[in-house]
Amino acid sequence: MHEYHIVEGVVKQILEKAKSSDAKKITTVTLVLGELSGLQEESIRVYFENLSKDNILAGAKLIVKPVKSKLKCKDCGTIFEHEKSDFNCPKCSGLGVLASSGKEFYIDNIEIES
């Protein structure tokens, strides 16, 4: 349920940007979603659709670009994608710790009709 308020904020941002661009219609919205963001794509899609019914977002295509989490090896510094329950570096087998990637959630692109 916490996705509702987050998606509501995203929709408000999109509508404000569209208003400042004199958009008549928003055709596509692309969001970036990190796998460790704590957000569920299906919930985001449902709330986006519900919050878009009665405005210029109605019928807009929603693209969600997933971002895998990344680890950084404590021994050699290699950054690598985190695989399920595998924290070992593919280069030296050292232990990887969470890097910054994977917690993202943001608007990447908005396509409009003027």
PDB file of N, CA and C in Angstrom:
ATOM      1  N   MET A   1       0.814  -1.201   0.000  1.00  0.00           N
ATOM      2  CA  MET A   1       0.000   0.000   0.000  1.00  0.00           C
ATOM      3  C   MET A   1       0.857   1.264   0.000  1.00  0.00           C
ATOM      4  N   HIS A   2       2.094   1.190   0.494  1.00  0.00           N
ATOM      5  CA  HIS A   2       2.927   2.393   0.514  1.00  0.00           C
ATOM      6  C   HIS A   2       3.265   2.868  -0.890  1.00  0.00           C
ATOM      7  N   GLU A   3       3.131   1.968  -1.876  1.00  0.00           N
ATOM      8  CA  GLU A   3       3.369   2.366  -3.259  1.00  0.00           C
ATOM      9  C   GLU A   3       2.384   3.438  -3.722  1.00  0.00           C
ATOM     10  N   TYR A   4       1.152   3.400  -3.192  1.00  0.00           N
ATOM     11  CA  TYR A   4       0.137   4.354  -3.629  1.00  0.00           C
ATOM     12  C   TYR A   4       0.627   5.788  -3.457  1.00  0.00           C
ATOM     13  N   HIS A   5       1.112   6.122  -2.282  1.00  0.00           N
ATOM     14  CA  HIS A   5       1.542   7.494  -2.010  1.00  0.00           C
ATOM     15  C   HIS A   5       2.778   7.872  -2.834  1.00  0.00           C
ATOM     16  N   ILE A   6       3.636   6.914  -3.053  1.00  0.00           N
ATOM     17  CA  ILE A   6       4.828   7.169  -3.869  1.00  0.00           C
ATOM     18  C   ILE A   6       4.431   7.415  -5.317  1.00  0.00           C
ATOM     19  N   VAL A   7       3.560   6.569  -5.854  1.00  0.00           N
ATOM     20  CA  VAL A   7       3.101   6.736  -7.241  1.00  0.00           C
ATOM     21  C   VAL A   7       2.278   8.017  -7.371  1.00  0.00           C
ATOM     22  N   GLU A   8       1.512   8.351  -6.357  1.00  0.00           N
ATOM     23  CA  GLU A   8       0.749   9.603  -6.365  1.00  0.00           C
ATOM     24  C   GLU A   8       1.695  10.804  -6.507  1.00  0.00           C
ATOM     25  N   GLY A   9       2.809  10.778  -5.790  1.00  0.00           N
ATOM     26  CA  GLY A   9       3.809  11.837  -5.906  1.00  0.00           C
ATOM     27  C   GLY A   9       4.439  11.888  -7.285  1.00  0.00           C
ATOM     28  N   VAL A  10       4.710  10.725  -7.849  1.00  0.00           N
ATOM     29  CA  VAL A  10       5.285  10.654  -9.201  1.00  0.00           C
ATOM     30  C   VAL A  10       4.308  11.229 -10.221  1.00  0.00           C
ATOM     31  N   VAL A  11       3.044  10.851 -10.105  1.00  0.00           N
ATOM     32  CA  VAL A  11       2.023  11.357 -11.035  1.00  0.00           C
ATOM     33  C   VAL A  11       1.916  12.882 -10.920  1.00  0.00           C
ATOM     34  N   LYS A  12       1.958  13.408  -9.703  1.00  0.00           N
ATOM     35  CA  LYS A  12       1.921  14.865  -9.520  1.00  0.00           C
ATOM     36  C   LYS A  12       3.108  15.535 -10.209  1.00  0.00           C
ATOM     37  N   GLN A  13       4.291  14.963 -10.059  1.00  0.00           N
ATOM     38  CA  GLN A  13       5.492  15.508 -10.718  1.00  0.00           C
ATOM     39  C   GLN A  13       5.332  15.500 -12.233  1.00  0.00           C
ATOM     40  N   ILE A  14       4.821  14.397 -12.757  1.00  0.00           N
ATOM     41  CA  ILE A  14       4.637  14.277 -14.206  1.00  0.00           C
ATOM     42  C   ILE A  14       3.644  15.316 -14.705  1.00  0.00           C
ATOM     43  N   LEU A  15       2.531  15.475 -13.996  1.00  0.00           N
ATOM     44  CA  LEU A  15       1.511  16.449 -14.413  1.00  0.00           C
ATOM     45  C   LEU A  15       2.022  17.882 -14.325  1.00  0.00           C
ATOM     46  N   GLU A  16       2.821  18.179 -13.305  1.00  0.00           N
ATOM     47  CA  GLU A  16       3.412  19.522 -13.191  1.00  0.00           C
ATOM     48  C   GLU A  16       4.364  19.785 -14.349  1.00  0.00           C
ATOM     49  N   LYS A  17       5.182  18.799 -14.676  1.00  0.00           N
ATOM     50  CA  LYS A  17       6.128  18.949 -15.795  1.00  0.00           C
ATOM     51  C   LYS A  17       5.364  19.123 -17.103  1.00  0.00           C
ATOM     52  N   ALA A  18       4.310  18.354 -17.281  1.00  0.00           N
ATOM     53  CA  ALA A  18       3.504  18.450 -18.497  1.00  0.00           C
ATOM     54  C   ALA A  18       2.843  19.818 -18.611  1.00  0.00           C
ATOM     55  N   LYS A  19       2.347  20.323 -17.486  1.00  0.00           N
ATOM     56  CA  LYS A  19       1.706  21.647 -17.486  1.00  0.00           C
ATOM     57  C   LYS A  19       2.703  22.736 -17.871  1.00  0.00           C
ATOM     58  N   SER A  20       3.910  22.654 -17.327  1.00  0.00           N
ATOM     59  CA  SER A  20       4.918  23.667 -17.649  1.00  0.00           C
ATOM     60  C   SER A  20       5.411  23.555 -19.090  1.00  0.00           C
ATOM     61  N   SER A  21       5.168  22.403 -19.722  1.00  0.00           N
ATOM     62  CA  SER A  21       5.564  22.198 -21.122  1.00  0.00           C
ATOM     63  C   SER A  21       4.394  22.381 -22.077  1.00  0.00           C
ATOM     64  N   ASP A  22       3.247  22.819 -21.557  1.00  0.00           N
ATOM     65  CA  ASP A  22       2.029  22.985 -22.354  1.00  0.00           C
ATOM     66  C   ASP A  22       1.634  21.715 -23.093  1.00  0.00           C
ATOM     67  N   ALA A  23       1.774  20.572 -22.430  1.00  0.00           N
ATOM     68  CA  ALA A  23       1.423  19.289 -23.041  1.00  0.00           C
ATOM     69  C   ALA A  23      -0.091  19.134 -23.127  1.00  0.00           C
ATOM     70  N   LYS A  24      -0.533  18.582 -24.222  1.00  0.00           N
ATOM     71  CA  LYS A  24      -1.953  18.272 -24.398  1.00  0.00           C
ATOM     72  C   LYS A  24      -2.242  16.841 -23.938  1.00  0.00           C
ATOM     73  N   LYS A  25      -1.236  15.976 -24.097  1.00  0.00           N
ATOM     74  CA  LYS A  25      -1.391  14.562 -23.783  1.00  0.00           C
ATOM     75  C   LYS A  25      -0.022  13.984 -23.456  1.00  0.00           C
ATOM     76  N   ILE A  26       0.015  13.098 -22.491  1.00  0.00           N
ATOM     77  CA  ILE A  26       1.238  12.352 -22.188  1.00  0.00           C
ATOM     78  C   ILE A  26       1.054  10.964 -22.781  1.00  0.00           C
ATOM     79  N   THR A  27       1.977  10.570 -23.634  1.00  0.00           N
ATOM     80  CA  THR A  27       1.837   9.293 -24.331  1.00  0.00           C
ATOM     81  C   THR A  27       2.612   8.159 -23.673  1.00  0.00           C
ATOM     82  N   THR A  28       3.780   8.466 -23.103  1.00  0.00           N
ATOM     83  CA  THR A  28       4.618   7.423 -22.514  1.00  0.00           C
ATOM     84  C   THR A  28       5.355   7.979 -21.300  1.00  0.00           C
ATOM     85  N   VAL A  29       5.426   7.162 -20.263  1.00  0.00           N
ATOM     86  CA  VAL A  29       6.211   7.484 -19.071  1.00  0.00           C
ATOM     87  C   VAL A  29       7.151   6.307 -18.821  1.00  0.00           C
ATOM     88  N   THR A  30       8.429   6.618 -18.623  1.00  0.00           N
ATOM     89  CA  THR A  30       9.408   5.584 -18.301  1.00  0.00           C
ATOM     90  C   THR A  30       9.921   5.817 -16.892  1.00  0.00           C
ATOM     91  N   LEU A  31       9.800   4.790 -16.068  1.00  0.00           N
ATOM     92  CA  LEU A  31      10.284   4.835 -14.695  1.00  0.00           C
ATOM     93  C   LEU A  31      11.436   3.856 -14.533  1.00  0.00           C
ATOM     94  N   VAL A  32      12.379   4.185 -13.672  1.00  0.00           N
ATOM     95  CA  VAL A  32      13.484   3.292 -13.327  1.00  0.00           C
ATOM     96  C   VAL A  32      13.181   2.731 -11.943  1.00  0.00           C
ATOM     97  N   LEU A  33      13.257   1.404 -11.826  1.00  0.00           N
ATOM     98  CA  LEU A  33      12.901   0.726 -10.581  1.00  0.00           C
ATOM     99  C   LEU A  33      13.997  -0.244 -10.163  1.00  0.00           C
ATOM    100  N   GLY A  34      14.683   0.086  -9.078  1.00  0.00           N
ATOM    101  CA  GLY A  34      15.718  -0.787  -8.544  1.00  0.00           C
ATOM    102  C   GLY A  34      15.108  -1.966  -7.807  1.00  0.00           C
ATOM    103  N   GLU A  35      15.748  -3.121  -7.936  1.00  0.00           N
ATOM    104  CA  GLU A  35      15.188  -4.328  -7.330  1.00  0.00           C
ATOM    105  C   GLU A  35      15.183  -4.279  -5.806  1.00  0.00           C
ATOM    106  N   LEU A  36      15.974  -3.387  -5.210  1.00  0.00           N
ATOM    107  CA  LEU A  36      16.000  -3.257  -3.755  1.00  0.00           C
ATOM    108  C   LEU A  36      15.247  -2.025  -3.263  1.00  0.00           C
ATOM    109  N   SER A  37      14.435  -1.430  -4.131  1.00  0.00           N
ATOM    110  CA  SER A  37      13.698  -0.216  -3.767  1.00  0.00           C
ATOM    111  C   SER A  37      12.588  -0.486  -2.759  1.00  0.00           C
ATOM    112  N   GLY A  38      12.166  -1.731  -2.664  1.00  0.00           N
ATOM    113  CA  GLY A  38      11.052  -2.073  -1.787  1.00  0.00           C
ATOM    114  C   GLY A  38       9.699  -1.868  -2.439  1.00  0.00           C
ATOM    115  N   LEU A  39       9.699  -1.529  -3.722  1.00  0.00           N
ATOM    116  CA  LEU A  39       8.465  -1.279  -4.455  1.00  0.00           C
ATOM    117  C   LEU A  39       8.181  -2.439  -5.407  1.00  0.00           C
ATOM    118  N   GLN A  40       6.906  -2.731  -5.591  1.00  0.00           N
ATOM    119  CA  GLN A  40       6.489  -3.812  -6.472  1.00  0.00           C
ATOM    120  C   GLN A  40       5.984  -3.230  -7.791  1.00  0.00           C
ATOM    121  N   GLU A  41       6.530  -3.721  -8.895  1.00  0.00           N
ATOM    122  CA  GLU A  41       6.152  -3.201 -10.208  1.00  0.00           C
ATOM    123  C   GLU A  41       4.655  -3.319 -10.461  1.00  0.00           C
ATOM    124  N   GLU A  42       4.050  -4.434 -10.124  1.00  0.00           N
ATOM    125  CA  GLU A  42       2.627  -4.624 -10.388  1.00  0.00           C
ATOM    126  C   GLU A  42       1.783  -3.588  -9.636  1.00  0.00           C
ATOM    127  N   SER A  43       2.139  -3.305  -8.386  1.00  0.00           N
ATOM    128  CA  SER A  43       1.417  -2.284  -7.612  1.00  0.00           C
ATOM    129  C   SER A  43       1.600  -0.909  -8.238  1.00  0.00           C
ATOM    130  N   ILE A  44       2.811  -0.612  -8.681  1.00  0.00           N
ATOM    131  CA  ILE A  44       3.075   0.665  -9.339  1.00  0.00           C
ATOM    132  C   ILE A  44       2.187   0.813 -10.573  1.00  0.00           C
ATOM    133  N   ARG A  45       2.086  -0.243 -11.354  1.00  0.00           N
ATOM    134  CA  ARG A  45       1.268  -0.203 -12.569  1.00  0.00           C
ATOM    135  C   ARG A  45      -0.214   0.021 -12.238  1.00  0.00           C
ATOM    136  N   VAL A  46      -0.730  -0.681 -11.246  1.00  0.00           N
ATOM    137  CA  VAL A  46      -2.141  -0.539 -10.862  1.00  0.00           C
ATOM    138  C   VAL A  46      -2.423   0.885 -10.382  1.00  0.00           C
ATOM    139  N   TYR A  47      -1.589   1.396  -9.490  1.00  0.00           N
ATOM    140  CA  TYR A  47      -1.812   2.744  -8.956  1.00  0.00           C
ATOM    141  C   TYR A  47      -1.623   3.804 -10.039  1.00  0.00           C
ATOM    142  N   PHE A  48      -0.644   3.612 -10.915  1.00  0.00           N
ATOM    143  CA  PHE A  48      -0.423   4.559 -12.011  1.00  0.00           C
ATOM    144  C   PHE A  48      -1.675   4.629 -12.891  1.00  0.00           C
ATOM    145  N   GLU A  49      -2.207   3.471 -13.235  1.00  0.00           N
ATOM    146  CA  GLU A  49      -3.393   3.438 -14.082  1.00  0.00           C
ATOM    147  C   GLU A  49      -4.581   4.116 -13.391  1.00  0.00           C
ATOM    148  N   ASN A  50      -4.790   3.839 -12.114  1.00  0.00           N
ATOM    149  CA  ASN A  50      -5.897   4.447 -11.375  1.00  0.00           C
ATOM    150  C   ASN A  50      -5.751   5.957 -11.239  1.00  0.00           C
ATOM    151  N   LEU A  51      -4.526   6.425 -10.995  1.00  0.00           N
ATOM    152  CA  LEU A  51      -4.290   7.857 -10.819  1.00  0.00           C
ATOM    153  C   LEU A  51      -4.246   8.616 -12.148  1.00  0.00           C
ATOM    154  N   SER A  52      -4.252   7.892 -13.249  1.00  0.00           N
ATOM    155  CA  SER A  52      -4.152   8.506 -14.573  1.00  0.00           C
ATOM    156  C   SER A  52      -5.481   8.564 -15.322  1.00  0.00           C
ATOM    157  N   LYS A  53      -6.526   8.075 -14.724  1.00  0.00           N
ATOM    158  CA  LYS A  53      -7.806   7.945 -15.443  1.00  0.00           C
ATOM    159  C   LYS A  53      -8.415   9.257 -15.904  1.00  0.00           C
ATOM    160  N   ASP A  54      -8.357  10.276 -15.087  1.00  0.00           N
ATOM    161  CA  ASP A  54      -9.107  11.504 -15.383  1.00  0.00           C
ATOM    162  C   ASP A  54      -8.213  12.709 -15.648  1.00  0.00           C
ATOM    163  N   ASN A  55      -7.095  12.489 -16.315  1.00  0.00           N
ATOM    164  CA  ASN A  55      -6.191  13.596 -16.634  1.00  0.00           C
ATOM    165  C   ASN A  55      -5.449  13.285 -17.931  1.00  0.00           C
ATOM    166  N   ILE A  56      -4.482  14.100 -18.284  1.00  0.00           N
ATOM    167  CA  ILE A  56      -3.794  13.921 -19.573  1.00  0.00           C
ATOM    168  C   ILE A  56      -2.865  12.703 -19.596  1.00  0.00           C
ATOM    169  N   LEU A  57      -2.782  11.994 -18.487  1.00  0.00           N
ATOM    170  CA  LEU A  57      -2.034  10.737 -18.439  1.00  0.00           C
ATOM    171  C   LEU A  57      -2.880   9.541 -18.871  1.00  0.00           C
ATOM    172  N   ALA A  58      -4.177   9.721 -18.993  1.00  0.00           N
ATOM    173  CA  ALA A  58      -5.070   8.609 -19.333  1.00  0.00           C
ATOM    174  C   ALA A  58      -4.593   7.911 -20.607  1.00  0.00           C
ATOM    175  N   GLY A  59      -4.419   6.617 -20.511  1.00  0.00           N
ATOM    176  CA  GLY A  59      -3.997   5.824 -21.664  1.00  0.00           C
ATOM    177  C   GLY A  59      -2.504   5.849 -21.950  1.00  0.00           C
ATOM    178  N   ALA A  60      -1.739   6.551 -21.139  1.00  0.00           N
ATOM    179  CA  ALA A  60      -0.288   6.613 -21.373  1.00  0.00           C
ATOM    180  C   ALA A  60       0.339   5.242 -21.161  1.00  0.00           C
ATOM    181  N   LYS A  61       1.319   4.940 -21.970  1.00  0.00           N
ATOM    182  CA  LYS A  61       2.070   3.692 -21.833  1.00  0.00           C
ATOM    183  C   LYS A  61       3.077   3.870 -20.701  1.00  0.00           C
ATOM    184  N   LEU A  62       3.110   2.910 -19.782  1.00  0.00           N
ATOM    185  CA  LEU A  62       4.069   2.939 -18.681  1.00  0.00           C
ATOM    186  C   LEU A  62       5.148   1.900 -18.935  1.00  0.00           C
ATOM    187  N   ILE A  63       6.379   2.378 -19.016  1.00  0.00           N
ATOM    188  CA  ILE A  63       7.532   1.490 -19.175  1.00  0.00           C
ATOM    189  C   ILE A  63       8.298   1.513 -17.862  1.00  0.00           C
ATOM    190  N   VAL A  64       8.577   0.327 -17.323  1.00  0.00           N
ATOM    191  CA  VAL A  64       9.352   0.223 -16.091  1.00  0.00           C
ATOM    192  C   VAL A  64      10.668  -0.467 -16.431  1.00  0.00           C
ATOM    193  N   LYS A  65      11.765   0.278 -16.242  1.00  0.00           N
ATOM    194  CA  LYS A  65      13.092  -0.270 -16.511  1.00  0.00           C
ATOM    195  C   LYS A  65      13.691  -0.781 -15.200  1.00  0.00           C
ATOM    196  N   PRO A  66      13.854  -2.102 -15.091  1.00  0.00           N
ATOM    197  CA  PRO A  66      14.406  -2.648 -13.854  1.00  0.00           C
ATOM    198  C   PRO A  66      15.919  -2.429 -13.752  1.00  0.00           C
ATOM    199  N   VAL A  67      16.391  -2.221 -12.520  1.00  0.00           N
ATOM    200  CA  VAL A  67      17.825  -2.079 -12.260  1.00  0.00           C
ATOM    201  C   VAL A  67      18.204  -3.123 -11.217  1.00  0.00           C
ATOM    202  N   LYS A  68      19.131  -3.984 -11.581  1.00  0.00           N
ATOM    203  CA  LYS A  68      19.607  -4.999 -10.642  1.00  0.00           C
ATOM    204  C   LYS A  68      20.534  -4.351  -9.629  1.00  0.00           C
ATOM    205  N   SER A  69      20.561  -4.944  -8.458  1.00  0.00           N
ATOM    206  CA  SER A  69      21.478  -4.442  -7.436  1.00  0.00           C
ATOM    207  C   SER A  69      22.905  -4.838  -7.799  1.00  0.00           C
ATOM    208  N   LYS A  70      23.843  -4.058  -7.335  1.00  0.00           N
ATOM    209  CA  LYS A  70      25.255  -4.329  -7.619  1.00  0.00           C
ATOM    210  C   LYS A  70      26.024  -4.421  -6.312  1.00  0.00           C
ATOM    211  N   LEU A  71      27.037  -5.250  -6.354  1.00  0.00           N
ATOM    212  CA  LEU A  71      27.921  -5.429  -5.212  1.00  0.00           C
ATOM    213  C   LEU A  71      29.321  -4.979  -5.591  1.00  0.00           C
ATOM    214  N   LYS A  72      30.080  -4.603  -4.579  1.00  0.00           N
ATOM    215  CA  LYS A  72      31.479  -4.234  -4.783  1.00  0.00           C
ATOM    216  C   LYS A  72      32.324  -5.171  -3.935  1.00  0.00           C
ATOM    217  N   CYS A  73      33.293  -5.790  -4.578  1.00  0.00           N
ATOM    218  CA  CYS A  73      34.158  -6.730  -3.886  1.00  0.00           C
ATOM    219  C   CYS A  73      35.047  -5.984  -2.888  1.00  0.00           C
ATOM    220  N   LYS A  74      35.067  -6.493  -1.655  1.00  0.00           N
ATOM    221  CA  LYS A  74      35.895  -5.875  -0.614  1.00  0.00           C
ATOM    222  C   LYS A  74      37.383  -6.087  -0.882  1.00  0.00           C
ATOM    223  N   ASP A  75      37.727  -7.134  -1.642  1.00  0.00           N
ATOM    224  CA  ASP A  75      39.130  -7.459  -1.883  1.00  0.00           C
ATOM    225  C   ASP A  75      39.717  -6.758  -3.106  1.00  0.00           C
ATOM    226  N   CYS A  76      39.029  -6.891  -4.252  1.00  0.00           N
ATOM    227  CA  CYS A  76      39.626  -6.356  -5.487  1.00  0.00           C
ATOM    228  C   CYS A  76      38.911  -5.122  -6.034  1.00  0.00           C
ATOM    229  N   GLY A  77      37.747  -4.777  -5.454  1.00  0.00           N
ATOM    230  CA  GLY A  77      37.038  -3.574  -5.886  1.00  0.00           C
ATOM    231  C   GLY A  77      36.147  -3.743  -7.103  1.00  0.00           C
ATOM    232  N   THR A  78      36.059  -4.948  -7.638  1.00  0.00           N
ATOM    233  CA  THR A  78      35.212  -5.198  -8.801  1.00  0.00           C
ATOM    234  C   THR A  78      33.753  -4.972  -8.437  1.00  0.00           C
ATOM    235  N   ILE A  79      33.029  -4.297  -9.316  1.00  0.00           N
ATOM    236  CA  ILE A  79      31.596  -4.105  -9.130  1.00  0.00           C
ATOM    237  C   ILE A  79      30.891  -5.108 -10.037  1.00  0.00           C
ATOM    238  N   PHE A  80      29.937  -5.842  -9.456  1.00  0.00           N
ATOM    239  CA  PHE A  80      29.258  -6.894 -10.212  1.00  0.00           C
ATOM    240  C   PHE A  80      27.800  -6.982  -9.783  1.00  0.00           C
ATOM    241  N   GLU A  81      26.976  -7.543 -10.685  1.00  0.00           N
ATOM    242  CA  GLU A  81      25.555  -7.690 -10.390  1.00  0.00           C
ATOM    243  C   GLU A  81      25.358  -8.758  -9.328  1.00  0.00           C
ATOM    244  N   HIS A  82      24.465  -8.461  -8.419  1.00  0.00           N
ATOM    245  CA  HIS A  82      24.125  -9.392  -7.342  1.00  0.00           C
ATOM    246  C   HIS A  82      23.196 -10.463  -7.878  1.00  0.00           C
ATOM    247  N   GLU A  83      23.585 -11.695  -7.728  1.00  0.00           N
ATOM    248  CA  GLU A  83      22.731 -12.820  -8.079  1.00  0.00           C
ATOM    249  C   GLU A  83      22.149 -13.372  -6.786  1.00  0.00           C
ATOM    250  N   LYS A  84      20.995 -13.996  -6.876  1.00  0.00           N
ATOM    251  CA  LYS A  84      20.322 -14.514  -5.679  1.00  0.00           C
ATOM    252  C   LYS A  84      21.277 -15.280  -4.785  1.00  0.00           C
ATOM    253  N   SER A  85      21.364 -14.871  -3.565  1.00  0.00           N
ATOM    254  CA  SER A  85      22.152 -15.489  -2.486  1.00  0.00           C
ATOM    255  C   SER A  85      23.623 -15.731  -2.823  1.00  0.00           C
ATOM    256  N   ASP A  86      24.133 -15.066  -3.864  1.00  0.00           N
ATOM    257  CA  ASP A  86      25.554 -15.198  -4.200  1.00  0.00           C
ATOM    258  C   ASP A  86      26.215 -13.835  -4.046  1.00  0.00           C
ATOM    259  N   PHE A  87      27.053 -13.716  -3.028  1.00  0.00           N
ATOM    260  CA  PHE A  87      27.725 -12.458  -2.739  1.00  0.00           C
ATOM    261  C   PHE A  87      29.206 -12.510  -3.106  1.00  0.00           C
ATOM    262  N   ASN A  88      29.623 -13.577  -3.798  1.00  0.00           N
ATOM    263  CA  ASN A  88      31.043 -13.746  -4.114  1.00  0.00           C
ATOM    264  C   ASN A  88      31.405 -13.086  -5.439  1.00  0.00           C
ATOM    265  N   CYS A  89      32.546 -12.441  -5.440  1.00  0.00           N
ATOM    266  CA  CYS A  89      33.064 -11.762  -6.624  1.00  0.00           C
ATOM    267  C   CYS A  89      33.387 -12.786  -7.713  1.00  0.00           C
ATOM    268  N   PRO A  90      32.930 -12.530  -8.942  1.00  0.00           N
ATOM    269  CA  PRO A  90      33.234 -13.464 -10.033  1.00  0.00           C
ATOM    270  C   PRO A  90      34.707 -13.427 -10.448  1.00  0.00           C
ATOM    271  N   LYS A  91      35.413 -12.385 -10.041  1.00  0.00           N
ATOM    272  CA  LYS A  91      36.812 -12.227 -10.429  1.00  0.00           C
ATOM    273  C   LYS A  91      37.771 -12.905  -9.441  1.00  0.00           C
ATOM    274  N   CYS A  92      37.535 -12.679  -8.128  1.00  0.00           N
ATOM    275  CA  CYS A  92      38.488 -13.199  -7.138  1.00  0.00           C
ATOM    276  C   CYS A  92      37.831 -14.028  -6.033  1.00  0.00           C
ATOM    277  N   SER A  93      36.510 -14.178  -6.085  1.00  0.00           N
ATOM    278  CA  SER A  93      35.716 -14.914  -5.093  1.00  0.00           C
ATOM    279  C   SER A  93      35.652 -14.233  -3.727  1.00  0.00           C
ATOM    280  N   GLY A  94      36.101 -12.985  -3.654  1.00  0.00           N
ATOM    281  CA  GLY A  94      35.994 -12.225  -2.412  1.00  0.00           C
ATOM    282  C   GLY A  94      34.550 -11.867  -2.120  1.00  0.00           C
ATOM    283  N   LEU A  95      34.310 -11.406  -0.910  1.00  0.00           N
ATOM    284  CA  LEU A  95      32.962 -11.049  -0.499  1.00  0.00           C
ATOM    285  C   LEU A  95      32.565  -9.687  -1.058  1.00  0.00           C
ATOM    286  N   GLY A  96      31.385  -9.637  -1.674  1.00  0.00           N
ATOM    287  CA  GLY A  96      30.852  -8.383  -2.194  1.00  0.00           C
ATOM    288  C   GLY A  96      29.925  -7.734  -1.193  1.00  0.00           C
ATOM    289  N   VAL A  97      29.984  -6.420  -1.108  1.00  0.00           N
ATOM    290  CA  VAL A  97      29.065  -5.649  -0.264  1.00  0.00           C
ATOM    291  C   VAL A  97      28.217  -4.762  -1.168  1.00  0.00           C
ATOM    292  N   LEU A  98      27.059  -4.411  -0.677  1.00  0.00           N
ATOM    293  CA  LEU A  98      26.117  -3.648  -1.483  1.00  0.00           C
ATOM    294  C   LEU A  98      26.707  -2.316  -1.928  1.00  0.00           C
ATOM    295  N   ALA A  99      26.652  -2.082  -3.233  1.00  0.00           N
ATOM    296  CA  ALA A  99      27.047  -0.786  -3.801  1.00  0.00           C
ATOM    297  C   ALA A  99      25.773   0.061  -3.890  1.00  0.00           C
ATOM    298  N   SER A 100      25.830   1.183  -4.547  1.00  0.00           N
ATOM    299  CA  SER A 100      24.700   2.113  -4.567  1.00  0.00           C
ATOM    300  C   SER A 100      23.564   1.683  -5.493  1.00  0.00           C
ATOM    301  N   SER A 101      23.806   0.844  -6.455  1.00  0.00           N
ATOM    302  CA  SER A 101      22.804   0.485  -7.448  1.00  0.00           C
ATOM    303  C   SER A 101      21.779  -0.506  -6.912  1.00  0.00           C
ATOM    304  N   GLY A 102      20.518  -0.280  -7.264  1.00  0.00           N
ATOM    305  CA  GLY A 102      19.464  -1.213  -6.924  1.00  0.00           C
ATOM    306  C   GLY A 102      18.350  -0.628  -6.086  1.00  0.00           C
ATOM    307  N   LYS A 103      18.554   0.562  -5.538  1.00  0.00           N
ATOM    308  CA  LYS A 103      17.528   1.188  -4.696  1.00  0.00           C
ATOM    309  C   LYS A 103      16.790   2.310  -5.426  1.00  0.00           C
ATOM    310  N   GLU A 104      17.065   2.481  -6.703  1.00  0.00           N
ATOM    311  CA  GLU A 104      16.518   3.588  -7.471  1.00  0.00           C
ATOM    312  C   GLU A 104      15.013   3.486  -7.676  1.00  0.00           C
ATOM    313  N   PHE A 105      14.369   4.625  -7.752  1.00  0.00           N
ATOM    314  CA  PHE A 105      13.016   4.761  -8.259  1.00  0.00           C
ATOM    315  C   PHE A 105      12.858   6.211  -8.677  1.00  0.00           C
ATOM    316  N   TYR A 106      12.790   6.432  -9.987  1.00  0.00           N
ATOM    317  CA  TYR A 106      12.662   7.796 -10.481  1.00  0.00           C
ATOM    318  C   TYR A 106      12.083   7.821 -11.890  1.00  0.00           C
ATOM    319  N   ILE A 107      11.642   9.008 -12.282  1.00  0.00           N
ATOM    320  CA  ILE A 107      11.122   9.235 -13.639  1.00  0.00           C
ATOM    321  C   ILE A 107      12.320   9.381 -14.565  1.00  0.00           C
ATOM    322  N   ASP A 108      12.381   8.542 -15.565  1.00  0.00           N
ATOM    323  CA  ASP A 108      13.478   8.587 -16.521  1.00  0.00           C
ATOM    324  C   ASP A 108      13.115   9.415 -17.754  1.00  0.00           C
ATOM    325  N   ASN A 109      11.867   9.289 -18.212  1.00  0.00           N
ATOM    326  CA  ASN A 109      11.485   9.965 -19.445  1.00  0.00           C
ATOM    327  C   ASN A 109       9.954  10.141 -19.486  1.00  0.00           C
ATOM    328  N   ILE A 110       9.542  11.255 -20.086  1.00  0.00           N
ATOM    329  CA  ILE A 110       8.128  11.531 -20.312  1.00  0.00           C
ATOM    330  C   ILE A 110       7.977  11.957 -21.766  1.00  0.00           C
ATOM    331  N   GLU A 111       7.112  11.277 -22.502  1.00  0.00           N
ATOM    332  CA  GLU A 111       6.841  11.675 -23.887  1.00  0.00           C
ATOM    333  C   GLU A 111       5.475  12.328 -23.934  1.00  0.00           C
ATOM    334  N   ILE A 112       5.422  13.504 -24.586  1.00  0.00           N
ATOM    335  CA  ILE A 112       4.182  14.280 -24.628  1.00  0.00           C
ATOM    336  C   ILE A 112       3.784  14.633 -26.052  1.00  0.00           C
ATOM    337  N   GLU A 113       2.505  14.996 -26.193  1.00  0.00           N
ATOM    338  CA  GLU A 113       2.008  15.614 -27.417  1.00  0.00           C
ATOM    339  C   GLU A 113       1.699  17.061 -27.066  1.00  0.00           C
ATOM    340  N   SER A 114       2.193  17.960 -27.891  1.00  0.00           N
ATOM    341  CA  SER A 114       1.952  19.388 -27.627  1.00  0.00           C
ATOM    342  C   SER A 114       0.725  19.881 -28.346  1.00  0.00           C
TER     343      SER A 114
END
